[in-house]
């Protein structure tokens, strides 16, 4: 993963960290939507970078890491979509109700950053 995508993902993590403080439902949904868009964009860019690598690197550890990053980021994006739907259907946003999901998503993003 290149530095630019890592920086985007660090910004996503910073945004998700804001959910620990009391926020209104609309603000929480906006944070989650921005995170979902950015994570999916990084997954797409990582996949494009993998597709454009020379064939000589096809069986390299770097390709394996990129494939794992794509998988983790795509999973995180999907989980963010589910979380957004859950928040939209809830009466109020309460961090404790989504804490487990957010932590799981954050861990997947961190794995991709540090791989």
N, C-alpha and C. Protein backbone atom coordinates (compact mmCIF):
# COMPACT_ATOMS: atom_id res chain seq x y z
N UNK A 1 0.85 -1.17 0.00
CA UNK A 1 0.00 0.00 0.00
C UNK A 1 0.90 1.23 0.00
N UNK A 2 0.50 2.19 -0.81
CA UNK A 2 1.35 3.37 -0.90
C UNK A 2 1.03 4.38 0.21
N UNK A 3 1.88 5.37 0.32
CA UNK A 3 1.78 6.36 1.40
C UNK A 3 0.47 7.15 1.32
N UNK A 4 0.04 7.50 0.12
CA UNK A 4 -1.19 8.28 -0.03
C UNK A 4 -2.41 7.51 0.51
N UNK A 5 -2.52 6.23 0.17
CA UNK A 5 -3.65 5.44 0.68
C UNK A 5 -3.55 5.26 2.19
N UNK A 6 -2.34 5.09 2.69
CA UNK A 6 -2.18 4.99 4.15
C UNK A 6 -2.65 6.28 4.84
N UNK A 7 -2.30 7.41 4.27
CA UNK A 7 -2.72 8.69 4.85
C UNK A 7 -4.24 8.83 4.84
N UNK A 8 -4.87 8.41 3.77
CA UNK A 8 -6.35 8.45 3.69
C UNK A 8 -6.94 7.56 4.79
N UNK A 9 -6.38 6.37 4.95
CA UNK A 9 -6.89 5.45 5.96
C UNK A 9 -6.64 5.96 7.38
N UNK A 10 -5.52 6.64 7.60
CA UNK A 10 -5.28 7.26 8.92
C UNK A 10 -6.34 8.33 9.18
N UNK A 11 -6.71 9.09 8.16
CA UNK A 11 -7.76 10.10 8.31
C UNK A 11 -9.10 9.43 8.61
N UNK A 12 -9.36 8.28 8.00
CA UNK A 12 -10.59 7.53 8.29
C UNK A 12 -10.60 7.12 9.76
N UNK A 13 -9.47 6.61 10.24
CA UNK A 13 -9.39 6.20 11.65
C UNK A 13 -9.62 7.39 12.58
N UNK A 14 -9.07 8.55 12.22
CA UNK A 14 -9.29 9.76 13.03
C UNK A 14 -10.78 10.12 13.04
N UNK A 15 -11.42 10.00 11.89
CA UNK A 15 -12.85 10.29 11.82
C UNK A 15 -13.67 9.34 12.66
N UNK A 16 -13.36 8.06 12.56
CA UNK A 16 -14.10 7.07 13.35
C UNK A 16 -13.87 7.26 14.84
N UNK A 17 -12.71 7.76 15.23
CA UNK A 17 -12.41 8.02 16.64
C UNK A 17 -13.33 9.11 17.19
N UNK A 18 -13.79 10.00 16.33
CA UNK A 18 -14.71 11.07 16.77
C UNK A 18 -16.04 10.51 17.25
N UNK A 19 -16.36 9.27 16.87
CA UNK A 19 -17.63 8.68 17.29
C UNK A 19 -17.64 8.33 18.77
N UNK A 20 -16.46 8.31 19.40
CA UNK A 20 -16.41 8.02 20.84
C UNK A 20 -16.99 9.15 21.67
N UNK A 21 -16.93 10.36 21.11
CA UNK A 21 -17.51 11.52 21.80
C UNK A 21 -18.99 11.60 21.44
N UNK A 22 -19.77 12.24 22.29
CA UNK A 22 -21.20 12.38 21.96
C UNK A 22 -21.38 13.15 20.65
N UNK A 23 -22.09 12.54 19.73
CA UNK A 23 -22.41 13.18 18.45
C UNK A 23 -23.87 12.92 18.13
N UNK A 24 -24.42 13.80 17.32
CA UNK A 24 -25.79 13.63 16.85
C UNK A 24 -25.83 12.51 15.81
N UNK A 25 -27.00 11.96 15.64
CA UNK A 25 -27.18 10.86 14.69
C UNK A 25 -26.73 11.25 13.29
N UNK A 26 -27.11 12.43 12.81
CA UNK A 26 -26.74 12.87 11.46
C UNK A 26 -25.23 12.99 11.30
N UNK A 27 -24.57 13.51 12.32
CA UNK A 27 -23.11 13.64 12.27
C UNK A 27 -22.45 12.26 12.24
N UNK A 28 -22.96 11.34 13.04
CA UNK A 28 -22.42 9.98 13.06
C UNK A 28 -22.57 9.33 11.69
N UNK A 29 -23.72 9.49 11.09
CA UNK A 29 -23.96 8.91 9.76
C UNK A 29 -23.02 9.54 8.74
N UNK A 30 -22.81 10.85 8.82
CA UNK A 30 -21.89 11.52 7.89
C UNK A 30 -20.46 10.98 8.05
N UNK A 31 -20.03 10.80 9.29
CA UNK A 31 -18.69 10.26 9.56
C UNK A 31 -18.57 8.86 8.96
N UNK A 32 -19.58 8.04 9.19
CA UNK A 32 -19.56 6.67 8.69
C UNK A 32 -19.60 6.62 7.16
N UNK A 33 -20.40 7.49 6.56
CA UNK A 33 -20.50 7.52 5.10
C UNK A 33 -19.18 7.96 4.47
N UNK A 34 -18.56 8.98 5.05
CA UNK A 34 -17.25 9.43 4.53
C UNK A 34 -16.22 8.32 4.67
N UNK A 35 -16.23 7.65 5.81
CA UNK A 35 -15.30 6.55 6.03
C UNK A 35 -15.53 5.44 5.01
N UNK A 36 -16.79 5.11 4.76
CA UNK A 36 -17.11 4.03 3.81
C UNK A 36 -16.62 4.38 2.41
N UNK A 37 -16.87 5.60 1.97
CA UNK A 37 -16.44 6.04 0.64
C UNK A 37 -14.91 5.99 0.54
N UNK A 38 -14.23 6.50 1.54
CA UNK A 38 -12.76 6.55 1.51
C UNK A 38 -12.15 5.14 1.56
N UNK A 39 -12.71 4.27 2.39
CA UNK A 39 -12.18 2.91 2.50
C UNK A 39 -12.40 2.17 1.18
N UNK A 40 -13.58 2.31 0.59
CA UNK A 40 -13.85 1.64 -0.68
C UNK A 40 -12.94 2.18 -1.79
N UNK A 41 -12.71 3.50 -1.78
CA UNK A 41 -11.82 4.09 -2.77
C UNK A 41 -10.41 3.52 -2.63
N UNK A 42 -9.93 3.39 -1.39
CA UNK A 42 -8.59 2.81 -1.17
C UNK A 42 -8.55 1.35 -1.63
N UNK A 43 -9.60 0.60 -1.36
CA UNK A 43 -9.65 -0.79 -1.82
C UNK A 43 -9.59 -0.86 -3.34
N UNK A 44 -10.35 0.01 -3.99
CA UNK A 44 -10.35 0.04 -5.46
C UNK A 44 -8.99 0.43 -6.02
N UNK A 45 -8.36 1.43 -5.40
CA UNK A 45 -7.03 1.86 -5.86
C UNK A 45 -5.98 0.78 -5.63
N UNK A 46 -6.09 0.07 -4.51
CA UNK A 46 -5.15 -1.02 -4.23
C UNK A 46 -5.33 -2.15 -5.24
N UNK A 47 -6.58 -2.42 -5.60
CA UNK A 47 -6.85 -3.46 -6.60
C UNK A 47 -6.32 -3.05 -7.97
N UNK A 48 -6.48 -1.79 -8.31
CA UNK A 48 -5.96 -1.29 -9.58
C UNK A 48 -4.42 -1.39 -9.60
N UNK A 49 -3.79 -1.03 -8.48
CA UNK A 49 -2.33 -1.12 -8.39
C UNK A 49 -1.88 -2.57 -8.53
N UNK A 50 -2.62 -3.49 -7.91
CA UNK A 50 -2.29 -4.91 -8.02
C UNK A 50 -2.43 -5.39 -9.46
N UNK A 51 -3.50 -4.98 -10.12
CA UNK A 51 -3.73 -5.38 -11.51
C UNK A 51 -2.65 -4.85 -12.45
N UNK A 52 -2.05 -3.71 -12.09
CA UNK A 52 -1.05 -3.09 -12.96
C UNK A 52 0.38 -3.53 -12.65
N UNK A 53 0.56 -4.40 -11.69
CA UNK A 53 1.92 -4.89 -11.37
C UNK A 53 2.39 -5.83 -12.47
N UNK A 54 3.69 -5.84 -12.73
CA UNK A 54 4.23 -6.75 -13.74
C UNK A 54 3.96 -8.21 -13.38
N UNK A 55 3.85 -9.02 -14.39
CA UNK A 55 3.56 -10.44 -14.19
C UNK A 55 4.66 -11.14 -13.38
N UNK A 56 5.86 -10.63 -13.44
CA UNK A 56 6.98 -11.23 -12.70
C UNK A 56 6.74 -11.21 -11.18
N UNK A 57 5.89 -10.29 -10.72
CA UNK A 57 5.59 -10.19 -9.29
C UNK A 57 4.33 -10.97 -8.89
N UNK A 58 3.77 -11.72 -9.82
CA UNK A 58 2.49 -12.38 -9.59
C UNK A 58 2.47 -13.27 -8.35
N UNK A 59 3.56 -13.95 -8.07
CA UNK A 59 3.58 -14.88 -6.94
C UNK A 59 4.42 -14.35 -5.79
N UNK A 60 4.55 -13.05 -5.68
CA UNK A 60 5.39 -12.46 -4.64
C UNK A 60 4.60 -12.22 -3.35
N UNK A 61 5.35 -12.04 -2.28
CA UNK A 61 4.73 -11.72 -0.99
C UNK A 61 4.02 -10.37 -1.06
N UNK A 62 4.55 -9.46 -1.87
CA UNK A 62 3.92 -8.16 -2.04
C UNK A 62 2.53 -8.28 -2.62
N UNK A 63 2.37 -9.17 -3.60
CA UNK A 63 1.04 -9.41 -4.17
C UNK A 63 0.10 -10.00 -3.13
N UNK A 64 0.62 -10.92 -2.33
CA UNK A 64 -0.21 -11.52 -1.27
C UNK A 64 -0.68 -10.46 -0.29
N UNK A 65 0.21 -9.55 0.08
CA UNK A 65 -0.15 -8.48 1.02
C UNK A 65 -1.20 -7.56 0.39
N UNK A 66 -1.02 -7.24 -0.88
CA UNK A 66 -1.99 -6.38 -1.56
C UNK A 66 -3.36 -7.05 -1.64
N UNK A 67 -3.37 -8.35 -1.92
CA UNK A 67 -4.62 -9.10 -1.98
C UNK A 67 -5.30 -9.10 -0.62
N UNK A 68 -4.53 -9.29 0.44
CA UNK A 68 -5.08 -9.26 1.80
C UNK A 68 -5.62 -7.87 2.13
N UNK A 69 -4.91 -6.82 1.71
CA UNK A 69 -5.37 -5.45 1.94
C UNK A 69 -6.71 -5.21 1.25
N UNK A 70 -6.81 -5.64 0.01
CA UNK A 70 -8.04 -5.46 -0.75
C UNK A 70 -9.19 -6.16 -0.05
N UNK A 71 -8.94 -7.38 0.40
CA UNK A 71 -9.97 -8.14 1.10
C UNK A 71 -10.41 -7.45 2.39
N UNK A 72 -9.43 -7.03 3.20
CA UNK A 72 -9.76 -6.37 4.47
C UNK A 72 -10.50 -5.06 4.26
N UNK A 73 -10.06 -4.27 3.29
CA UNK A 73 -10.70 -2.97 3.05
C UNK A 73 -12.10 -3.14 2.46
N UNK A 74 -12.27 -4.13 1.59
CA UNK A 74 -13.59 -4.40 1.03
C UNK A 74 -14.55 -4.87 2.13
N UNK A 75 -14.06 -5.73 3.01
CA UNK A 75 -14.87 -6.17 4.16
C UNK A 75 -15.24 -4.99 5.05
N UNK A 76 -14.26 -4.14 5.34
CA UNK A 76 -14.51 -2.97 6.20
C UNK A 76 -15.53 -2.05 5.56
N UNK A 77 -15.44 -1.86 4.26
CA UNK A 77 -16.40 -1.02 3.54
C UNK A 77 -17.81 -1.59 3.65
N UNK A 78 -17.94 -2.89 3.46
CA UNK A 78 -19.24 -3.54 3.59
C UNK A 78 -19.80 -3.44 5.00
N UNK A 79 -18.94 -3.61 5.98
CA UNK A 79 -19.37 -3.49 7.38
C UNK A 79 -19.80 -2.06 7.70
N UNK A 80 -19.12 -1.09 7.11
CA UNK A 80 -19.52 0.31 7.30
C UNK A 80 -20.90 0.56 6.69
N UNK A 81 -21.17 -0.04 5.53
CA UNK A 81 -22.49 0.11 4.91
C UNK A 81 -23.59 -0.42 5.83
N UNK A 82 -23.35 -1.59 6.40
CA UNK A 82 -24.32 -2.19 7.32
C UNK A 82 -24.51 -1.28 8.54
N UNK A 83 -23.43 -0.76 9.06
CA UNK A 83 -23.47 0.12 10.22
C UNK A 83 -24.24 1.40 9.90
N UNK A 84 -24.04 1.94 8.72
CA UNK A 84 -24.78 3.14 8.29
C UNK A 84 -26.27 2.84 8.26
N UNK A 85 -26.65 1.72 7.68
CA UNK A 85 -28.07 1.33 7.64
C UNK A 85 -28.64 1.19 9.04
N UNK A 86 -27.87 0.55 9.92
CA UNK A 86 -28.32 0.38 11.31
C UNK A 86 -28.54 1.73 11.99
N UNK A 87 -27.60 2.64 11.77
CA UNK A 87 -27.72 3.97 12.38
C UNK A 87 -28.90 4.75 11.80
N UNK A 88 -29.12 4.61 10.50
CA UNK A 88 -30.24 5.32 9.88
C UNK A 88 -31.57 4.80 10.40
N UNK A 89 -31.63 3.52 10.72
CA UNK A 89 -32.88 2.93 11.21
C UNK A 89 -33.08 3.09 12.71
N UNK A 90 -32.04 3.51 13.42
CA UNK A 90 -32.13 3.70 14.87
C UNK A 90 -32.76 5.06 15.19
N UNK A 91 -33.38 5.13 16.34
CA UNK A 91 -33.98 6.40 16.76
C UNK A 91 -32.92 7.43 17.10
N UNK A 92 -31.88 7.00 17.79
CA UNK A 92 -30.79 7.87 18.21
C UNK A 92 -29.47 7.15 17.98
N UNK A 93 -28.39 7.93 17.92
CA UNK A 93 -27.07 7.32 17.81
C UNK A 93 -26.49 7.21 19.21
N UNK A 94 -26.12 6.01 19.60
CA UNK A 94 -25.46 5.77 20.88
C UNK A 94 -24.21 4.94 20.57
N UNK A 95 -23.06 5.50 20.90
CA UNK A 95 -21.79 4.83 20.54
C UNK A 95 -21.73 3.41 21.08
N UNK A 96 -22.21 3.20 22.26
CA UNK A 96 -22.13 1.87 22.87
C UNK A 96 -22.82 0.81 22.01
N UNK A 97 -23.84 1.22 21.24
CA UNK A 97 -24.57 0.25 20.42
C UNK A 97 -23.80 -0.16 19.17
N UNK A 98 -22.82 0.63 18.78
CA UNK A 98 -22.04 0.31 17.56
C UNK A 98 -20.56 0.11 17.86
N UNK A 99 -20.19 0.21 19.14
CA UNK A 99 -18.78 0.15 19.52
C UNK A 99 -18.10 -1.11 19.00
N UNK A 100 -18.69 -2.26 19.17
CA UNK A 100 -18.09 -3.52 18.72
C UNK A 100 -17.83 -3.53 17.22
N UNK A 101 -18.79 -3.04 16.45
CA UNK A 101 -18.63 -2.99 15.00
C UNK A 101 -17.54 -2.01 14.60
N UNK A 102 -17.51 -0.85 15.24
CA UNK A 102 -16.50 0.16 14.92
C UNK A 102 -15.10 -0.37 15.24
N UNK A 103 -14.94 -1.01 16.36
CA UNK A 103 -13.64 -1.56 16.76
C UNK A 103 -13.18 -2.61 15.74
N UNK A 104 -14.09 -3.47 15.31
CA UNK A 104 -13.76 -4.50 14.32
C UNK A 104 -13.31 -3.86 13.00
N UNK A 105 -14.02 -2.83 12.57
CA UNK A 105 -13.68 -2.12 11.34
C UNK A 105 -12.32 -1.44 11.48
N UNK A 106 -12.12 -0.76 12.59
CA UNK A 106 -10.84 -0.08 12.84
C UNK A 106 -9.68 -1.07 12.79
N UNK A 107 -9.87 -2.24 13.38
CA UNK A 107 -8.80 -3.24 13.40
C UNK A 107 -8.48 -3.73 11.99
N UNK A 108 -9.49 -3.90 11.14
CA UNK A 108 -9.24 -4.31 9.76
C UNK A 108 -8.48 -3.25 9.00
N UNK A 109 -8.85 -2.01 9.22
CA UNK A 109 -8.16 -0.91 8.54
C UNK A 109 -6.70 -0.82 9.01
N UNK A 110 -6.50 -0.98 10.32
CA UNK A 110 -5.14 -0.94 10.87
C UNK A 110 -4.29 -2.07 10.31
N UNK A 111 -4.88 -3.25 10.15
CA UNK A 111 -4.15 -4.37 9.57
C UNK A 111 -3.67 -4.02 8.17
N UNK A 112 -4.55 -3.42 7.39
CA UNK A 112 -4.19 -3.06 6.01
C UNK A 112 -3.09 -2.00 5.99
N UNK A 113 -3.18 -1.05 6.89
CA UNK A 113 -2.17 0.00 6.95
C UNK A 113 -0.79 -0.56 7.28
N UNK A 114 -0.74 -1.49 8.22
CA UNK A 114 0.53 -1.97 8.73
C UNK A 114 1.05 -3.23 8.05
N UNK A 115 0.33 -3.72 7.08
CA UNK A 115 0.75 -4.93 6.39
C UNK A 115 1.87 -4.63 5.43
